[in-house]
Amino acid sequence: MALTDFASMTDEQYTVWARRTWAEARNRSFVIPFVGNSADSMIQRITELKSTKTGNRCVITLVNDIRGDGIVGDNQAKGNETAMGADDNVIQFDQLRFPVANTGRMADQKSVVDFRTNAKDQIANAHQQTMDELAFLTLSGIGYNFNTDGTARLGSQLPMLEYAGDVTAPTANRHVRWDATNGIQPGDTTQVDPADKPTWKMFVQAKAHAMNTWLKPNRTNNGVESFNVFLSIDGMAALKQDADFIAMWKDARERGTANPIFAGTPHGGVNGIRIDGMNIFEYRNVFHPSTWGGDGDVKGQRILFCGAQALGFADPTGIGMPGWDEEKDDYNNRYGIAGRKVYGFKKPVFFNSKLQSTEDFGVLCIDTAV
């Protein structure tokens, strides 16, 4: 087959290839269906830049509920206004590139795979996998020096990202663990026991805890409120073996396929179970280490119970456009391609006026065994 003629592409064609690559990454992504532009979205996409003391950054604004009891009848309102408290969280962003190269002209002559097309597929896949992992590590409060299975990430530059240092551990009222005997308890991974596997009872208590600590639910365009809940694959398997969950599932099945439990969720391409105001999903990138418990040998998971603005996603206009770069090397014998994208993640925190403490705004972490 003929060699790919890199020089034949115009700037406009490079732009097309870049957008196609990023479009493929977005289509494959697990987290993108949960991204929206409004404050009612689980992951809020911020595109506009604001000037800050450290330069241009994306800013997500969290507006607290108004406190006070209002003004009755014709009583004086002037001078008795309630200040609207708001917290601005700066979301830093950085460039992430995935470069690939062929082995040389002779290797290309023997290959049946078009280098540019194959590169687009591989780069899109790498961007998708990395973006999904970074999102779930950020939500879980786990540094980018770890994989989602809890092992150390070796030889990686991800900890060098500008926003890597903004990852924060779960706050006190947003971090709990499930105790099979005593129910929801304060978060402490050393106290997780092999018996503390997820149950339907856990979900009932977790939802109550979320609502009692003023975790704002997601809201659809038609006003339906819900929480998105993410379990590991082994965690979902354990839940489906819980007697209470089985009984509920059986009851739903007997009431027919029109039952809302079988309706899935409104997130395209992501299958889940919708029940009691919760959209329950299983996902491989839910944090699932094997080092919890007093002896460090308990396999666990960090369930994410997510409401609105659980995560900020900086996708700045202009600089955030995907890029596609090509070059020749070794006297035009080797070809290289790099696909790039600028973005950033931040788990917003705010001063919760109801609890009078600083808390994660939109995510509750629940540690269990699996």
Protein backbone atom coordinates (compact mmCIF):
# COMPACT_ATOMS: atom_id res chain seq x y z
CA MET A 1 0.00 0.00 0.00
CA ALA A 2 1.09 3.59 -0.55
CA LEU A 3 2.67 5.53 2.30
CA THR A 4 0.52 8.06 4.06
CA ASP A 5 1.34 11.45 2.60
CA PHE A 6 1.50 13.65 5.67
CA ALA A 7 2.38 16.75 3.67
CA SER A 8 -0.86 16.57 1.69
CA MET A 9 -3.06 17.63 4.61
CA THR A 10 -4.13 21.25 5.00
CA ASP A 11 -4.60 23.04 8.33
CA GLU A 12 -8.35 22.56 7.94
CA GLN A 13 -7.87 18.82 7.48
CA TYR A 14 -5.72 18.66 10.63
CA THR A 15 -8.56 20.37 12.49
CA VAL A 16 -11.07 17.85 11.13
CA TRP A 17 -8.91 14.91 12.24
CA ALA A 18 -8.49 16.47 15.70
CA ARG A 19 -12.23 16.96 16.12
CA ARG A 20 -13.00 13.48 14.87
CA THR A 21 -10.52 12.00 17.35
CA TRP A 22 -12.00 13.93 20.27
CA ALA A 23 -15.54 13.09 19.11
CA GLU A 24 -14.65 9.41 19.21
CA ALA A 25 -13.16 9.83 22.68
CA ARG A 26 -16.33 11.56 23.90
CA ASN A 27 -18.57 8.92 22.36
CA ARG A 28 -16.65 6.14 24.11
CA SER A 29 -16.44 7.97 27.43
CA PHE A 30 -18.39 6.79 30.46
CA VAL A 31 -18.46 10.21 32.16
CA ILE A 32 -19.47 12.42 29.22
CA PRO A 33 -23.19 11.44 29.38
CA PHE A 34 -23.24 12.95 32.88
CA VAL A 35 -21.80 16.29 31.71
CA GLY A 36 -24.05 19.30 31.28
CA ASN A 37 -23.75 23.06 31.12
CA SER A 38 -26.15 23.88 33.97
CA ALA A 39 -25.73 23.89 37.73
CA ASP A 40 -28.24 21.00 37.89
CA SER A 41 -25.83 18.65 36.10
CA MET A 42 -23.76 16.09 37.96
CA ILE A 43 -20.64 17.22 36.07
CA GLN A 44 -20.83 20.88 35.11
CA ARG A 45 -18.89 21.87 32.02
CA ILE A 46 -17.32 25.33 32.25
CA THR A 47 -16.12 26.88 29.01
CA GLU A 48 -15.67 30.56 29.82
CA LEU A 49 -12.41 31.89 31.18
CA LYS A 50 -12.21 34.38 34.03
CA SER A 51 -9.21 36.41 35.07
CA THR A 52 -7.85 35.40 38.47
CA LYS A 53 -4.76 36.37 40.43
CA THR A 54 -2.91 33.44 38.88
CA GLY A 55 -4.11 34.04 35.31
CA ASN A 56 -7.04 32.93 33.23
CA ARG A 57 -8.91 30.04 34.81
CA CYS A 58 -12.31 28.41 34.58
CA VAL A 59 -14.51 29.17 37.60
CA ILE A 60 -17.49 27.17 38.84
CA THR A 61 -19.89 29.08 41.09
CA LEU A 62 -21.80 27.33 43.87
CA VAL A 63 -24.71 29.33 45.28
CA ASN A 64 -25.72 28.55 48.84
CA ASP A 65 -29.33 28.47 49.99
CA ILE A 66 -30.70 31.74 51.42
CA ARG A 67 -30.81 31.72 55.22
CA GLY A 68 -33.45 33.45 57.30
CA ASP A 69 -37.26 33.37 57.56
CA GLY A 70 -38.23 36.14 55.15
CA ILE A 71 -40.30 39.33 55.63
CA VAL A 72 -43.95 39.00 56.67
CA GLY A 73 -46.80 41.12 55.30
CA ASP A 74 -46.00 44.83 54.84
CA ASN A 75 -43.05 44.81 57.20
CA GLN A 76 -39.96 46.69 56.03
CA ALA A 77 -37.94 44.72 53.47
CA LYS A 78 -35.51 47.54 52.70
CA GLY A 79 -32.44 47.10 54.85
CA ASN A 80 -33.43 43.54 55.85
CA GLU A 81 -32.20 41.82 52.71
CA THR A 82 -30.43 38.48 53.01
CA ALA A 83 -27.04 38.31 51.36
CA MET A 84 -26.68 35.58 48.76
CA GLY A 85 -23.61 33.59 49.69
CA ALA A 86 -21.67 32.00 46.84
CA ASP A 87 -18.46 30.03 46.60
CA ASP A 88 -16.22 30.24 43.56
CA ASN A 89 -14.04 27.23 42.83
CA VAL A 90 -11.21 27.74 40.37
CA ILE A 91 -10.71 24.83 37.98
CA GLN A 92 -7.21 24.63 36.59
CA PHE A 93 -6.61 22.98 33.25
CA ASP A 94 -3.67 21.53 31.40
CA GLN A 95 -2.73 19.93 28.09
CA LEU A 96 -2.70 16.16 27.73
CA ARG A 97 -1.08 14.64 24.64
CA PHE A 98 -0.85 11.09 23.36
CA PRO A 99 1.92 10.72 20.76
CA VAL A 100 2.37 7.63 18.54
CA ALA A 101 5.00 6.81 15.92
CA ASN A 102 5.51 4.16 13.28
CA THR A 103 8.67 2.06 13.05
CA GLY A 104 9.65 3.26 9.59
CA ARG A 105 8.98 3.31 5.88
CA MET A 106 9.58 -0.40 5.33
CA ALA A 107 7.23 -1.38 8.14
CA ASP A 108 4.53 0.81 6.62
CA GLN A 109 4.97 -0.88 3.25
CA LYS A 110 4.26 -4.26 4.82
CA SER A 111 1.33 -3.10 6.95
CA VAL A 112 -2.33 -3.36 5.93
CA VAL A 113 -3.32 -0.80 8.54
CA ASP A 114 -3.40 2.85 7.56
CA PHE A 115 -1.19 4.58 10.10
CA ARG A 116 -3.20 7.77 10.42
CA THR A 117 -6.55 5.96 10.80
CA ASN A 118 -5.13 3.52 13.33
CA ALA A 119 -3.49 6.38 15.24
CA LYS A 120 -6.81 8.22 15.44
CA ASP A 121 -8.48 5.16 16.95
CA GLN A 122 -5.69 4.51 19.47
CA ILE A 123 -5.37 8.16 20.53
CA ALA A 124 -9.14 8.50 20.98
CA ASN A 125 -9.17 5.38 23.14
CA ALA A 126 -6.28 6.66 25.27
CA HIS A 127 -7.95 10.03 25.81
CA GLN A 128 -11.25 8.37 26.75
CA GLN A 129 -9.71 5.95 29.25
CA THR A 130 -7.56 8.60 30.89
CA MET A 131 -10.35 11.18 31.10
CA ASP A 132 -12.70 8.68 32.75
CA GLU A 133 -10.06 7.58 35.25
CA LEU A 134 -9.13 11.16 36.18
CA ALA A 135 -12.79 12.05 36.73
CA PHE A 136 -13.39 9.14 39.10
CA LEU A 137 -10.13 9.60 40.98
CA THR A 138 -11.01 13.27 41.49
CA LEU A 139 -14.51 12.46 42.73
CA SER A 140 -13.08 9.83 45.09
CA GLY A 141 -10.42 12.14 46.50
CA ILE A 142 -7.62 9.85 45.30
CA GLY A 143 -4.39 11.29 43.87
CA TYR A 144 -3.37 10.70 40.27
CA ASN A 145 -0.35 8.72 41.44
CA PHE A 146 -2.75 5.78 41.96
CA ASN A 147 -4.67 3.58 39.57
CA THR A 148 -8.37 3.02 40.23
CA ASP A 149 -7.53 -0.42 41.71
CA GLY A 150 -5.43 1.27 44.37
CA THR A 151 -2.04 0.26 42.97
CA ALA A 152 0.68 2.82 42.38
CA ARG A 153 0.73 4.42 38.92
CA LEU A 154 4.31 3.93 37.74
CA GLY A 155 6.14 6.08 35.21
CA SER A 156 3.15 8.35 34.73
CA GLN A 157 3.15 12.10 34.14
CA LEU A 158 -0.47 12.49 35.27
CA PRO A 159 0.63 13.66 38.77
CA MET A 160 2.31 16.58 36.95
CA LEU A 161 -0.99 17.95 35.60
CA GLU A 162 -1.75 21.48 36.80
CA TYR A 163 -4.96 20.32 38.49
CA ALA A 164 -3.48 17.17 40.07
CA GLY A 165 -2.65 19.14 43.22
CA ASP A 166 -6.28 20.23 43.58
CA VAL A 167 -7.52 16.70 44.35
CA THR A 168 -8.85 16.71 47.91
CA ALA A 169 -9.83 13.92 50.29
CA PRO A 170 -13.55 13.54 51.09
CA THR A 171 -14.74 15.95 53.77
CA ALA A 172 -16.11 14.79 57.13
CA ASN A 173 -19.82 14.81 56.32
CA ARG A 174 -19.23 13.50 52.80
CA HIS A 175 -17.26 10.41 53.80
CA VAL A 176 -18.90 7.40 55.44
CA ARG A 177 -18.45 3.65 55.53
CA TRP A 178 -20.98 0.86 55.61
CA ASP A 179 -20.95 -1.37 58.70
CA ALA A 180 -23.06 -4.51 58.22
CA THR A 181 -23.99 -4.48 61.92
CA ASN A 182 -24.27 -0.80 62.81
CA GLY A 183 -25.18 0.82 59.49
CA ILE A 184 -23.70 4.07 58.17
CA GLN A 185 -20.61 5.11 60.17
CA PRO A 186 -17.96 7.84 59.80
CA GLY A 187 -15.47 7.12 57.04
CA ASP A 188 -12.44 5.05 58.09
CA THR A 189 -10.90 2.59 55.65
CA THR A 190 -9.06 0.75 58.44
CA GLN A 191 -12.41 -0.27 59.94
CA VAL A 192 -13.81 -1.89 56.78
CA ASP A 193 -14.55 -5.57 57.42
CA PRO A 194 -15.06 -8.31 54.77
CA ALA A 195 -18.68 -8.62 55.94
CA ASP A 196 -19.44 -4.97 55.14
CA LYS A 197 -20.72 -5.57 51.61
CA PRO A 198 -23.30 -3.28 49.98
CA THR A 199 -26.97 -4.03 50.64
CA TRP A 200 -30.26 -2.36 49.84
CA LYS A 201 -30.45 -1.26 53.46
CA MET A 202 -27.17 0.61 52.90
CA PHE A 203 -28.66 2.51 49.96
CA VAL A 204 -31.68 3.55 52.01
CA GLN A 205 -29.47 4.87 54.82
CA ALA A 206 -27.01 6.50 52.42
CA LYS A 207 -29.77 8.43 50.68
CA ALA A 208 -31.09 9.60 54.04
CA HIS A 209 -27.58 10.73 55.04
CA ALA A 210 -27.15 12.60 51.75
CA MET A 211 -30.43 14.44 52.15
CA ASN A 212 -29.85 15.19 55.83
CA THR A 213 -26.49 16.76 54.99
CA TRP A 214 -28.00 18.86 52.19
CA LEU A 215 -26.49 17.12 49.18
CA LYS A 216 -28.19 18.79 46.23
CA PRO A 217 -29.75 16.26 43.80
CA ASN A 218 -29.47 16.37 40.03
CA ARG A 219 -32.48 17.88 38.31
CA THR A 220 -33.66 17.09 34.79
CA ASN A 221 -35.34 19.59 32.47
CA ASN A 222 -38.78 18.33 33.54
CA GLY A 223 -37.97 18.85 37.22
CA VAL A 224 -37.25 15.22 38.22
CA GLU A 225 -34.67 15.01 41.01
CA SER A 226 -32.32 12.05 41.49
CA PHE A 227 -28.86 10.97 42.61
CA ASN A 228 -26.36 9.06 40.47
CA VAL A 229 -24.70 6.21 42.36
CA PHE A 230 -21.63 4.32 41.12
CA LEU A 231 -20.45 0.91 42.34
CA SER A 232 -17.55 -1.26 41.25
CA ILE A 233 -18.33 -4.33 39.18
CA ASP A 234 -17.78 -6.59 42.21
CA GLY A 235 -19.85 -4.19 44.30
CA MET A 236 -22.84 -4.50 41.98
CA ALA A 237 -22.43 -8.28 42.01
CA ALA A 238 -22.56 -8.24 45.81
CA LEU A 239 -25.64 -6.01 45.83
CA LYS A 240 -27.49 -8.35 43.48
CA GLN A 241 -26.96 -11.16 45.99
CA ASP A 242 -28.51 -9.19 48.86
CA ALA A 243 -31.80 -10.77 49.98
CA ASP A 244 -33.64 -7.45 50.32
CA PHE A 245 -32.50 -6.33 46.88
CA ILE A 246 -33.50 -9.66 45.34
CA ALA A 247 -36.95 -9.41 46.92
CA MET A 248 -37.42 -5.89 45.61
CA TRP A 249 -36.22 -6.91 42.16
CA LYS A 250 -38.58 -9.88 42.13
CA ASP A 251 -41.51 -7.67 43.15
CA ALA A 252 -40.67 -5.22 40.38
CA ARG A 253 -40.46 -8.02 37.81
CA GLU A 254 -43.88 -9.35 38.81
CA ARG A 255 -45.36 -5.89 38.24
CA GLY A 256 -44.17 -5.98 34.62
CA THR A 257 -41.47 -4.49 32.40
CA ALA A 258 -43.17 -1.08 32.59
CA ASN A 259 -41.97 -0.79 36.19
CA PRO A 260 -39.53 2.16 36.51
CA ILE A 261 -36.82 -0.16 37.86
CA PHE A 262 -36.37 -1.49 34.33
CA ALA A 263 -36.53 1.91 32.67
CA GLY A 264 -32.79 2.47 32.86
CA THR A 265 -31.61 6.05 33.18
CA PRO A 266 -31.74 9.20 31.06
CA HIS A 267 -28.01 8.97 30.28
CA GLY A 268 -27.48 7.74 26.74
CA GLY A 269 -25.25 4.71 26.35
CA VAL A 270 -24.91 4.15 30.10
CA ASN A 271 -27.12 1.40 31.51
CA GLY A 272 -28.24 1.52 35.11
CA ILE A 273 -31.03 0.75 37.55
CA ARG A 274 -33.40 3.59 38.42
CA ILE A 275 -35.19 3.19 41.74
CA ASP A 276 -36.26 5.35 44.68
CA GLY A 277 -34.71 8.51 43.25
CA MET A 278 -31.35 6.81 42.60
CA ASN A 279 -29.73 5.87 39.29
CA ILE A 280 -27.42 2.97 40.18
CA PHE A 281 -24.52 2.13 37.85
CA GLU A 282 -21.66 -0.35 37.86
CA TYR A 283 -18.33 0.83 36.49
CA ARG A 284 -14.81 -0.57 36.39
CA ASN A 285 -13.17 2.73 37.35
CA VAL A 286 -14.90 3.05 40.70
CA PHE A 287 -12.00 3.06 43.18
CA HIS A 288 -11.56 -0.54 44.37
CA PRO A 289 -8.35 -1.18 46.37
CA SER A 290 -7.42 -4.44 48.10
CA THR A 291 -5.64 -2.81 51.06
CA TRP A 292 -8.36 -1.72 53.46
CA GLY A 293 -9.13 -3.09 56.92
CA GLY A 294 -6.98 -3.28 60.01
CA ASP A 295 -4.50 -5.66 58.36
CA GLY A 296 -4.60 -4.01 54.96
CA ASP A 297 -6.00 -7.08 53.20
CA VAL A 298 -9.69 -6.25 52.68
CA LYS A 299 -10.92 -5.72 49.14
CA GLY A 300 -13.08 -2.62 49.11
CA GLN A 301 -14.77 -0.02 46.95
CA ARG A 302 -15.54 3.69 47.26
CA ILE A 303 -19.14 4.10 46.14
CA LEU A 304 -19.85 7.57 44.75
CA PHE A 305 -23.26 9.03 45.61
CA CYS A 306 -23.42 12.04 43.33
CA GLY A 307 -25.73 15.02 43.18
CA ALA A 308 -25.55 18.26 41.22
CA GLN A 309 -22.15 19.89 40.61
CA ALA A 310 -20.33 16.91 42.03
CA LEU A 311 -17.50 17.66 39.61
CA GLY A 312 -16.38 20.69 37.64
CA PHE A 313 -15.06 20.08 34.13
CA ALA A 314 -12.99 22.86 32.60
CA ASP A 315 -13.26 22.76 28.81
CA PRO A 316 -12.15 26.28 27.84
CA THR A 317 -13.29 27.77 24.56
CA GLY A 318 -10.45 28.36 22.14
CA ILE A 319 -7.49 26.85 23.96
CA GLY A 320 -9.60 23.80 24.76
CA MET A 321 -10.09 22.86 21.12
CA PRO A 322 -8.61 19.42 20.36
CA GLY A 323 -5.39 19.38 18.33
CA TRP A 324 -3.75 17.03 15.84
CA ASP A 325 -0.01 17.34 15.16
CA GLU A 326 2.12 15.36 12.72
CA GLU A 327 5.83 15.31 12.00
CA LYS A 328 8.47 13.46 10.02
CA ASP A 329 11.73 12.21 11.54
CA ASP A 330 14.87 10.23 10.70
CA TYR A 331 15.24 11.73 7.21
CA ASN A 332 11.53 11.34 6.51
CA ASN A 333 11.68 7.61 7.29
CA ARG A 334 9.49 7.72 10.42
CA TYR A 335 6.20 9.47 11.07
CA GLY A 336 4.72 10.64 14.34
CA ILE A 337 1.28 11.82 15.39
CA ALA A 338 0.16 13.45 18.64
CA GLY A 339 -3.44 14.09 19.62
CA ARG A 340 -3.91 16.78 22.27
CA LYS A 341 -6.68 18.21 24.41
CA VAL A 342 -6.75 20.85 27.15
CA TYR A 343 -9.14 20.29 30.06
CA GLY A 344 -9.24 20.00 33.83
CA PHE A 345 -11.26 18.57 36.73
CA LYS A 346 -12.09 19.90 40.19
CA LYS A 347 -14.31 18.48 42.92
CA PRO A 348 -16.02 21.63 44.25
CA VAL A 349 -16.04 22.33 47.99
CA PHE A 350 -18.05 25.04 49.76
CA PHE A 351 -19.05 26.30 53.16
CA ASN A 352 -22.27 24.44 53.95
CA SER A 353 -24.36 27.00 55.83
CA LYS A 354 -26.70 24.30 57.14
CA LEU A 355 -23.90 22.22 58.65
CA GLN A 356 -21.64 25.19 59.40
CA SER A 357 -18.66 23.34 57.94
CA THR A 358 -16.72 23.17 54.68
CA GLU A 359 -17.86 20.17 52.66
CA ASP A 360 -17.66 18.61 49.23
CA PHE A 361 -20.56 20.15 47.37
CA GLY A 362 -22.05 17.31 45.37
CA VAL A 363 -20.58 13.89 46.19
CA LEU A 364 -20.84 11.50 49.14
CA CYS A 365 -18.20 8.73 49.35
CA ILE A 366 -19.31 5.41 50.87
CA ASP A 367 -16.61 2.84 51.64
CA THR A 368 -17.65 -0.82 51.68
CA ALA A 369 -16.14 -4.26 51.27
CA VAL A 370 -16.90 -6.29 48.14
